[in-house]
Amino acid sequence: MASKTIVFNFEGGYELKLIGVDTDDTMDDVAKACADIIVGAETRPRPGTLRVRRQEDDEPYPRNMKVGEAHWVETQCVVVFYE
């Protein structure tokens, strides 16, 4: 296990935020951690499944993929969105 700081943009949010994640966290874990910061403060809860993708990609990561498997660099920028 290793910590990594990432930058995320949450769909409907208005600014980029930093969050610490662990290399053993799944993409679902990352999405939930990001949502815990934003939903209710900057955005309203919405129905649907939260997904994570790299900012420059169109396709999301598999939900059970681990952060370590994604080979993110420090301050990797990701987008969290409802599917």
PDB file of N, CA and C in Angstrom:
ATOM      1  N   MET A   1       0.838  -1.182   0.000  1.00  0.00           N
ATOM      2  CA  MET A   1       0.000   0.000   0.000  1.00  0.00           C
ATOM      3  C   MET A   1       0.882   1.245   0.000  1.00  0.00           C
ATOM      4  N   ALA A   2       0.477   2.201  -0.813  1.00  0.00           N
ATOM      5  CA  ALA A   2       1.188   3.477  -0.877  1.00  0.00           C
ATOM      6  C   ALA A   2       0.174   4.577  -1.145  1.00  0.00           C
ATOM      7  N   SER A   3       0.405   5.714  -0.536  1.00  0.00           N
ATOM      8  CA  SER A   3      -0.484   6.854  -0.753  1.00  0.00           C
ATOM      9  C   SER A   3      -0.056   7.635  -1.978  1.00  0.00           C
ATOM     10  N   LYS A   4      -1.039   8.219  -2.619  1.00  0.00           N
ATOM     11  CA  LYS A   4      -0.796   9.051  -3.792  1.00  0.00           C
ATOM     12  C   LYS A   4      -1.809  10.189  -3.740  1.00  0.00           C
ATOM     13  N   THR A   5      -1.369  11.393  -4.057  1.00  0.00           N
ATOM     14  CA  THR A   5      -2.281  12.532  -4.118  1.00  0.00           C
ATOM     15  C   THR A   5      -2.704  12.713  -5.561  1.00  0.00           C
ATOM     16  N   ILE A   6      -4.022  12.805  -5.761  1.00  0.00           N
ATOM     17  CA  ILE A   6      -4.551  13.035  -7.104  1.00  0.00           C
ATOM     18  C   ILE A   6      -5.383  14.309  -7.113  1.00  0.00           C
ATOM     19  N   VAL A   7      -5.635  14.803  -8.303  1.00  0.00           N
ATOM     20  CA  VAL A   7      -6.500  15.961  -8.519  1.00  0.00           C
ATOM     21  C   VAL A   7      -7.763  15.422  -9.165  1.00  0.00           C
ATOM     22  N   PHE A   8      -8.924  15.875  -8.670  1.00  0.00           N
ATOM     23  CA  PHE A   8     -10.148  15.402  -9.308  1.00  0.00           C
ATOM     24  C   PHE A   8     -11.102  16.544  -9.596  1.00  0.00           C
ATOM     25  N   ASN A   9     -11.870  16.328 -10.636  1.00  0.00           N
ATOM     26  CA  ASN A   9     -12.965  17.215 -11.020  1.00  0.00           C
ATOM     27  C   ASN A   9     -14.221  16.367 -10.941  1.00  0.00           C
ATOM     28  N   PHE A  10     -15.186  16.810 -10.164  1.00  0.00           N
ATOM     29  CA  PHE A  10     -16.434  16.070  -9.994  1.00  0.00           C
ATOM     30  C   PHE A  10     -17.484  16.681 -10.897  1.00  0.00           C
ATOM     31  N   GLU A  11     -18.174  15.863 -11.663  1.00  0.00           N
ATOM     32  CA  GLU A  11     -19.217  16.345 -12.568  1.00  0.00           C
ATOM     33  C   GLU A  11     -20.200  17.246 -11.820  1.00  0.00           C
ATOM     34  N   GLY A  12     -20.366  18.461 -12.298  1.00  0.00           N
ATOM     35  CA  GLY A  12     -21.267  19.410 -11.665  1.00  0.00           C
ATOM     36  C   GLY A  12     -20.590  20.258 -10.599  1.00  0.00           C
ATOM     37  N   GLY A  13     -19.361  19.911 -10.220  1.00  0.00           N
ATOM     38  CA  GLY A  13     -18.611  20.709  -9.260  1.00  0.00           C
ATOM     39  C   GLY A  13     -18.024  21.926  -9.953  1.00  0.00           C
ATOM     40  N   TYR A  14     -17.462  22.820  -9.189  1.00  0.00           N
ATOM     41  CA  TYR A  14     -16.967  24.052  -9.796  1.00  0.00           C
ATOM     42  C   TYR A  14     -15.478  24.282  -9.623  1.00  0.00           C
ATOM     43  N   GLU A  15     -14.759  23.335  -9.043  1.00  0.00           N
ATOM     44  CA  GLU A  15     -13.314  23.520  -8.915  1.00  0.00           C
ATOM     45  C   GLU A  15     -12.619  22.171  -8.795  1.00  0.00           C
ATOM     46  N   LEU A  16     -11.331  22.181  -9.080  1.00  0.00           N
ATOM     47  CA  LEU A  16     -10.515  20.986  -8.903  1.00  0.00           C
ATOM     48  C   LEU A  16     -10.167  20.838  -7.433  1.00  0.00           C
ATOM     49  N   LYS A  17     -10.058  19.599  -6.984  1.00  0.00           N
ATOM     50  CA  LYS A  17      -9.736  19.333  -5.585  1.00  0.00           C
ATOM     51  C   LYS A  17      -8.639  18.275  -5.524  1.00  0.00           C
ATOM     52  N   LEU A  18      -7.890  18.288  -4.437  1.00  0.00           N
ATOM     53  CA  LEU A  18      -6.883  17.267  -4.160  1.00  0.00           C
ATOM     54  C   LEU A  18      -7.450  16.259  -3.176  1.00  0.00           C
ATOM     55  N   ILE A  19      -7.034  15.010  -3.349  1.00  0.00           N
ATOM     56  CA  ILE A  19      -7.428  13.964  -2.399  1.00  0.00           C
ATOM     57  C   ILE A  19      -6.323  12.917  -2.365  1.00  0.00           C
ATOM     58  N   GLY A  20      -6.127  12.333  -1.204  1.00  0.00           N
ATOM     59  CA  GLY A  20      -5.177  11.242  -1.067  1.00  0.00           C
ATOM     60  C   GLY A  20      -5.883   9.919  -1.297  1.00  0.00           C
ATOM     61  N   VAL A  21      -5.282   9.060  -2.102  1.00  0.00           N
ATOM     62  CA  VAL A  21      -5.821   7.723  -2.353  1.00  0.00           C
ATOM     63  C   VAL A  21      -4.712   6.714  -2.102  1.00  0.00           C
ATOM     64  N   ASP A  22      -5.102   5.480  -1.976  1.00  0.00           N
ATOM     65  CA  ASP A  22      -4.151   4.411  -1.749  1.00  0.00           C
ATOM     66  C   ASP A  22      -4.056   3.544  -2.994  1.00  0.00           C
ATOM     67  N   THR A  23      -2.902   2.998  -3.257  1.00  0.00           N
ATOM     68  CA  THR A  23      -2.731   2.178  -4.461  1.00  0.00           C
ATOM     69  C   THR A  23      -3.604   0.923  -4.435  1.00  0.00           C
ATOM     70  N   ASP A  24      -4.074   0.508  -3.260  1.00  0.00           N
ATOM     71  CA  ASP A  24      -4.973  -0.649  -3.163  1.00  0.00           C
ATOM     72  C   ASP A  24      -6.445  -0.270  -3.278  1.00  0.00           C
ATOM     73  N   ASP A  25      -6.766   1.027  -3.346  1.00  0.00           N
ATOM     74  CA  ASP A  25      -8.156   1.469  -3.517  1.00  0.00           C
ATOM     75  C   ASP A  25      -8.639   1.113  -4.916  1.00  0.00           C
ATOM     76  N   THR A  26      -9.908   0.704  -5.008  1.00  0.00           N
ATOM     77  CA  THR A  26     -10.519   0.480  -6.316  1.00  0.00           C
ATOM     78  C   THR A  26     -11.038   1.813  -6.854  1.00  0.00           C
ATOM     79  N   MET A  27     -11.428   1.820  -8.105  1.00  0.00           N
ATOM     80  CA  MET A  27     -12.010   3.030  -8.687  1.00  0.00           C
ATOM     81  C   MET A  27     -13.323   3.381  -7.990  1.00  0.00           C
ATOM     82  N   ASP A  28     -14.074   2.376  -7.543  1.00  0.00           N
ATOM     83  CA  ASP A  28     -15.282   2.654  -6.761  1.00  0.00           C
ATOM     84  C   ASP A  28     -14.926   3.349  -5.451  1.00  0.00           C
ATOM     85  N   ASP A  29     -13.828   2.932  -4.816  1.00  0.00           N
ATOM     86  CA  ASP A  29     -13.369   3.584  -3.577  1.00  0.00           C
ATOM     87  C   ASP A  29     -13.000   5.044  -3.850  1.00  0.00           C
ATOM     88  N   VAL A  30     -12.299   5.271  -4.956  1.00  0.00           N
ATOM     89  CA  VAL A  30     -11.892   6.639  -5.322  1.00  0.00           C
ATOM     90  C   VAL A  30     -13.131   7.498  -5.571  1.00  0.00           C
ATOM     91  N   ALA A  31     -14.085   6.968  -6.341  1.00  0.00           N
ATOM     92  CA  ALA A  31     -15.308   7.718  -6.656  1.00  0.00           C
ATOM     93  C   ALA A  31     -16.062   8.080  -5.384  1.00  0.00           C
ATOM     94  N   LYS A  32     -16.177   7.126  -4.456  1.00  0.00           N
ATOM     95  CA  LYS A  32     -16.896   7.384  -3.210  1.00  0.00           C
ATOM     96  C   LYS A  32     -16.180   8.433  -2.366  1.00  0.00           C
ATOM     97  N   ALA A  33     -14.854   8.328  -2.280  1.00  0.00           N
ATOM     98  CA  ALA A  33     -14.098   9.298  -1.489  1.00  0.00           C
ATOM     99  C   ALA A  33     -14.262  10.709  -2.055  1.00  0.00           C
ATOM    100  N   CYS A  34     -14.234  10.832  -3.373  1.00  0.00           N
ATOM    101  CA  CYS A  34     -14.427  12.140  -4.008  1.00  0.00           C
ATOM    102  C   CYS A  34     -15.845  12.645  -3.781  1.00  0.00           C
ATOM    103  N   ALA A  35     -16.820  11.753  -3.922  1.00  0.00           N
ATOM    104  CA  ALA A  35     -18.224  12.136  -3.716  1.00  0.00           C
ATOM    105  C   ALA A  35     -18.460  12.593  -2.278  1.00  0.00           C
ATOM    106  N   ASP A  36     -17.803  11.951  -1.321  1.00  0.00           N
ATOM    107  CA  ASP A  36     -17.976  12.329   0.089  1.00  0.00           C
ATOM    108  C   ASP A  36     -17.579  13.781   0.334  1.00  0.00           C
ATOM    109  N   ILE A  37     -16.661  14.302  -0.464  1.00  0.00           N
ATOM    110  CA  ILE A  37     -16.214  15.684  -0.321  1.00  0.00           C
ATOM    111  C   ILE A  37     -17.172  16.654  -1.010  1.00  0.00           C
ATOM    112  N   ILE A  38     -17.704  16.279  -2.150  1.00  0.00           N
ATOM    113  CA  ILE A  38     -18.447  17.194  -3.023  1.00  0.00           C
ATOM    114  C   ILE A  38     -19.962  17.126  -2.866  1.00  0.00           C
ATOM    115  N   VAL A  39     -20.507  15.915  -2.869  1.00  0.00           N
ATOM    116  CA  VAL A  39     -21.966  15.757  -2.875  1.00  0.00           C
ATOM    117  C   VAL A  39     -22.537  16.286  -1.565  1.00  0.00           C
ATOM    118  N   GLY A  40     -23.488  17.182  -1.692  1.00  0.00           N
ATOM    119  CA  GLY A  40     -24.089  17.835  -0.544  1.00  0.00           C
ATOM    120  C   GLY A  40     -23.475  19.194  -0.247  1.00  0.00           C
ATOM    121  N   ALA A  41     -22.252  19.416  -0.733  1.00  0.00           N
ATOM    122  CA  ALA A  41     -21.593  20.704  -0.535  1.00  0.00           C
ATOM    123  C   ALA A  41     -21.631  21.531  -1.818  1.00  0.00           C
ATOM    124  N   GLU A  42     -21.178  20.940  -2.927  1.00  0.00           N
ATOM    125  CA  GLU A  42     -21.160  21.644  -4.211  1.00  0.00           C
ATOM    126  C   GLU A  42     -22.211  21.120  -5.183  1.00  0.00           C
ATOM    127  N   THR A  43     -22.580  19.864  -5.029  1.00  0.00           N
ATOM    128  CA  THR A  43     -23.555  19.260  -5.941  1.00  0.00           C
ATOM    129  C   THR A  43     -24.613  18.513  -5.140  1.00  0.00           C
ATOM    130  N   ARG A  44     -25.705  18.233  -5.803  1.00  0.00           N
ATOM    131  CA  ARG A  44     -26.765  17.431  -5.192  1.00  0.00           C
ATOM    132  C   ARG A  44     -26.540  15.959  -5.521  1.00  0.00           C
ATOM    133  N   PRO A  45     -27.007  15.092  -4.646  1.00  0.00           N
ATOM    134  CA  PRO A  45     -26.922  13.669  -4.967  1.00  0.00           C
ATOM    135  C   PRO A  45     -27.763  13.371  -6.215  1.00  0.00           C
ATOM    136  N   ARG A  46     -27.296  12.439  -7.009  1.00  0.00           N
ATOM    137  CA  ARG A  46     -28.020  12.037  -8.216  1.00  0.00           C
ATOM    138  C   ARG A  46     -28.075  10.524  -8.269  1.00  0.00           C
ATOM    139  N   PRO A  47     -29.086   9.986  -8.939  1.00  0.00           N
ATOM    140  CA  PRO A  47     -29.092   8.538  -9.133  1.00  0.00           C
ATOM    141  C   PRO A  47     -28.031   8.155 -10.158  1.00  0.00           C
ATOM    142  N   GLY A  48     -27.577   6.949 -10.087  1.00  0.00           N
ATOM    143  CA  GLY A  48     -26.592   6.455 -11.045  1.00  0.00           C
ATOM    144  C   GLY A  48     -25.344   5.963 -10.346  1.00  0.00           C
ATOM    145  N   THR A  49     -24.502   5.355 -11.116  1.00  0.00           N
ATOM    146  CA  THR A  49     -23.248   4.803 -10.623  1.00  0.00           C
ATOM    147  C   THR A  49     -22.136   5.807 -10.861  1.00  0.00           C
ATOM    148  N   LEU A  50     -21.332   6.050  -9.837  1.00  0.00           N
ATOM    149  CA  LEU A  50     -20.187   6.941  -9.993  1.00  0.00           C
ATOM    150  C   LEU A  50     -19.056   6.203 -10.694  1.00  0.00           C
ATOM    151  N   ARG A  51     -18.433   6.871 -11.643  1.00  0.00           N
ATOM    152  CA  ARG A  51     -17.324   6.295 -12.410  1.00  0.00           C
ATOM    153  C   ARG A  51     -16.144   7.255 -12.397  1.00  0.00           C
ATOM    154  N   VAL A  52     -14.971   6.739 -12.708  1.00  0.00           N
ATOM    155  CA  VAL A  52     -13.727   7.516 -12.726  1.00  0.00           C
ATOM    156  C   VAL A  52     -13.048   7.319 -14.075  1.00  0.00           C
ATOM    157  N   ARG A  53     -12.563   8.428 -14.649  1.00  0.00           N
ATOM    158  CA  ARG A  53     -11.774   8.341 -15.886  1.00  0.00           C
ATOM    159  C   ARG A  53     -10.655   9.373 -15.808  1.00  0.00           C
ATOM    160  N   ARG A  54      -9.595   9.132 -16.572  1.00  0.00           N
ATOM    161  CA  ARG A  54      -8.553  10.156 -16.691  1.00  0.00           C
ATOM    162  C   ARG A  54      -9.135  11.329 -17.445  1.00  0.00           C
ATOM    163  N   GLN A  55      -8.689  12.518 -17.124  1.00  0.00           N
ATOM    164  CA  GLN A  55      -9.236  13.719 -17.745  1.00  0.00           C
ATOM    165  C   GLN A  55      -9.162  13.661 -19.268  1.00  0.00           C
ATOM    166  N   GLU A  56      -8.071  13.118 -19.805  1.00  0.00           N
ATOM    167  CA  GLU A  56      -7.880  13.121 -21.247  1.00  0.00           C
ATOM    168  C   GLU A  56      -8.520  11.915 -21.946  1.00  0.00           C
ATOM    169  N   ASP A  57      -9.163  11.021 -21.200  1.00  0.00           N
ATOM    170  CA  ASP A  57      -9.778   9.826 -21.784  1.00  0.00           C
ATOM    171  C   ASP A  57     -11.291   9.956 -21.853  1.00  0.00           C
ATOM    172  N   ASP A  58     -11.889   9.214 -22.778  1.00  0.00           N
ATOM    173  CA  ASP A  58     -13.347   9.178 -22.897  1.00  0.00           C
ATOM    174  C   ASP A  58     -13.962   8.040 -22.091  1.00  0.00           C
ATOM    175  N   GLU A  59     -13.236   6.944 -21.976  1.00  0.00           N
ATOM    176  CA  GLU A  59     -13.756   5.748 -21.309  1.00  0.00           C
ATOM    177  C   GLU A  59     -13.351   5.708 -19.841  1.00  0.00           C
ATOM    178  N   PRO A  60     -14.262   5.280 -18.969  1.00  0.00           N
ATOM    179  CA  PRO A  60     -13.913   5.164 -17.555  1.00  0.00           C
ATOM    180  C   PRO A  60     -13.077   3.913 -17.288  1.00  0.00           C
ATOM    181  N   TYR A  61     -12.416   3.931 -16.157  1.00  0.00           N
ATOM    182  CA  TYR A  61     -11.703   2.756 -15.686  1.00  0.00           C
ATOM    183  C   TYR A  61     -12.719   1.699 -15.252  1.00  0.00           C
ATOM    184  N   PRO A  62     -12.355   0.423 -15.301  1.00  0.00           N
ATOM    185  CA  PRO A  62     -13.223  -0.596 -14.705  1.00  0.00           C
ATOM    186  C   PRO A  62     -13.417  -0.302 -13.219  1.00  0.00           C
ATOM    187  N   ARG A  63     -14.604  -0.537 -12.720  1.00  0.00           N
ATOM    188  CA  ARG A  63     -14.938  -0.161 -11.348  1.00  0.00           C
ATOM    189  C   ARG A  63     -14.087  -0.888 -10.302  1.00  0.00           C
ATOM    190  N   ASN A  64     -13.662  -2.116 -10.586  1.00  0.00           N
ATOM    191  CA  ASN A  64     -12.885  -2.872  -9.608  1.00  0.00           C
ATOM    192  C   ASN A  64     -11.372  -2.743  -9.816  1.00  0.00           C
ATOM    193  N   MET A  65     -10.954  -1.933 -10.787  1.00  0.00           N
ATOM    194  CA  MET A  65      -9.523  -1.710 -11.031  1.00  0.00           C
ATOM    195  C   MET A  65      -8.917  -0.947  -9.862  1.00  0.00           C
ATOM    196  N   LYS A  66      -7.710  -1.329  -9.475  1.00  0.00           N
ATOM    197  CA  LYS A  66      -7.039  -0.656  -8.361  1.00  0.00           C
ATOM    198  C   LYS A  66      -6.198   0.513  -8.871  1.00  0.00           C
ATOM    199  N   VAL A  67      -6.038   1.497  -8.020  1.00  0.00           N
ATOM    200  CA  VAL A  67      -5.251   2.684  -8.357  1.00  0.00           C
ATOM    201  C   VAL A  67      -3.851   2.278  -8.818  1.00  0.00           C
ATOM    202  N   GLY A  68      -3.242   1.334  -8.142  1.00  0.00           N
ATOM    203  CA  GLY A  68      -1.907   0.890  -8.510  1.00  0.00           C
ATOM    204  C   GLY A  68      -1.844   0.303  -9.909  1.00  0.00           C
ATOM    205  N   GLU A  69      -2.924  -0.309 -10.351  1.00  0.00           N
ATOM    206  CA  GLU A  69      -2.980  -0.898 -11.697  1.00  0.00           C
ATOM    207  C   GLU A  69      -3.139   0.174 -12.775  1.00  0.00           C
ATOM    208  N   ALA A  70      -3.611   1.345 -12.386  1.00  0.00           N
ATOM    209  CA  ALA A  70      -3.826   2.434 -13.346  1.00  0.00           C
ATOM    210  C   ALA A  70      -2.536   3.206 -13.631  1.00  0.00           C
ATOM    211  N   HIS A  71      -1.507   2.983 -12.813  1.00  0.00           N
ATOM    212  CA  HIS A  71      -0.199   3.631 -13.003  1.00  0.00           C
ATOM    213  C   HIS A  71      -0.311   5.159 -13.010  1.00  0.00           C
ATOM    214  N   TRP A  72      -1.113   5.693 -12.086  1.00  0.00           N
ATOM    215  CA  TRP A  72      -1.235   7.136 -11.983  1.00  0.00           C
ATOM    216  C   TRP A  72       0.060   7.744 -11.465  1.00  0.00           C
ATOM    217  N   VAL A  73       0.355   8.921 -11.947  1.00  0.00           N
ATOM    218  CA  VAL A  73       1.478   9.695 -11.422  1.00  0.00           C
ATOM    219  C   VAL A  73       0.945  10.598 -10.309  1.00  0.00           C
ATOM    220  N   GLU A  74       1.845  11.123  -9.505  1.00  0.00           N
ATOM    221  CA  GLU A  74       1.436  12.060  -8.452  1.00  0.00           C
ATOM    222  C   GLU A  74       0.711  13.237  -9.086  1.00  0.00           C
ATOM    223  N   THR A  75      -0.370  13.649  -8.496  1.00  0.00           N
ATOM    224  CA  THR A  75      -1.279  14.714  -8.961  1.00  0.00           C
ATOM    225  C   THR A  75      -1.918  14.392 -10.321  1.00  0.00           C
ATOM    226  N   GLN A  76      -2.120  13.102 -10.586  1.00  0.00           N
ATOM    227  CA  GLN A  76      -2.884  12.693 -11.770  1.00  0.00           C
ATOM    228  C   GLN A  76      -4.249  13.357 -11.709  1.00  0.00           C
ATOM    229  N   CYS A  77      -4.749  13.851 -12.835  1.00  0.00           N
ATOM    230  CA  CYS A  77      -6.058  14.489 -12.872  1.00  0.00           C
ATOM    231  C   CYS A  77      -7.098  13.507 -13.403  1.00  0.00           C
ATOM    232  N   VAL A  78      -8.148  13.302 -12.607  1.00  0.00           N
ATOM    233  CA  VAL A  78      -9.230  12.408 -13.007  1.00  0.00           C
ATOM    234  C   VAL A  78     -10.564  13.142 -12.910  1.00  0.00           C
ATOM    235  N   VAL A  79     -11.552  12.593 -13.588  1.00  0.00           N
ATOM    236  CA  VAL A  79     -12.909  13.115 -13.561  1.00  0.00           C
ATOM    237  C   VAL A  79     -13.807  12.048 -12.934  1.00  0.00           C
ATOM    238  N   VAL A  80     -14.635  12.459 -12.006  1.00  0.00           N
ATOM    239  CA  VAL A  80     -15.615  11.557 -11.387  1.00  0.00           C
ATOM    240  C   VAL A  80     -16.983  12.011 -11.894  1.00  0.00           C
ATOM    241  N   PHE A  81     -17.755  11.044 -12.409  1.00  0.00           N
ATOM    242  CA  PHE A  81     -19.038  11.397 -13.018  1.00  0.00           C
ATOM    243  C   PHE A  81     -20.070  10.304 -12.777  1.00  0.00           C
ATOM    244  N   TYR A  82     -21.334  10.668 -12.955  1.00  0.00           N
ATOM    245  CA  TYR A  82     -22.428   9.707 -12.845  1.00  0.00           C
ATOM    246  C   TYR A  82     -22.669   9.051 -14.201  1.00  0.00           C
ATOM    247  N   GLU A  83     -22.832   7.749 -14.163  1.00  0.00           N
ATOM    248  CA  GLU A  83     -23.137   7.013 -15.387  1.00  0.00           C
ATOM    249  C   GLU A  83     -24.593   6.621 -15.392  1.00  0.00           C
TER     250      GLU A  83
END
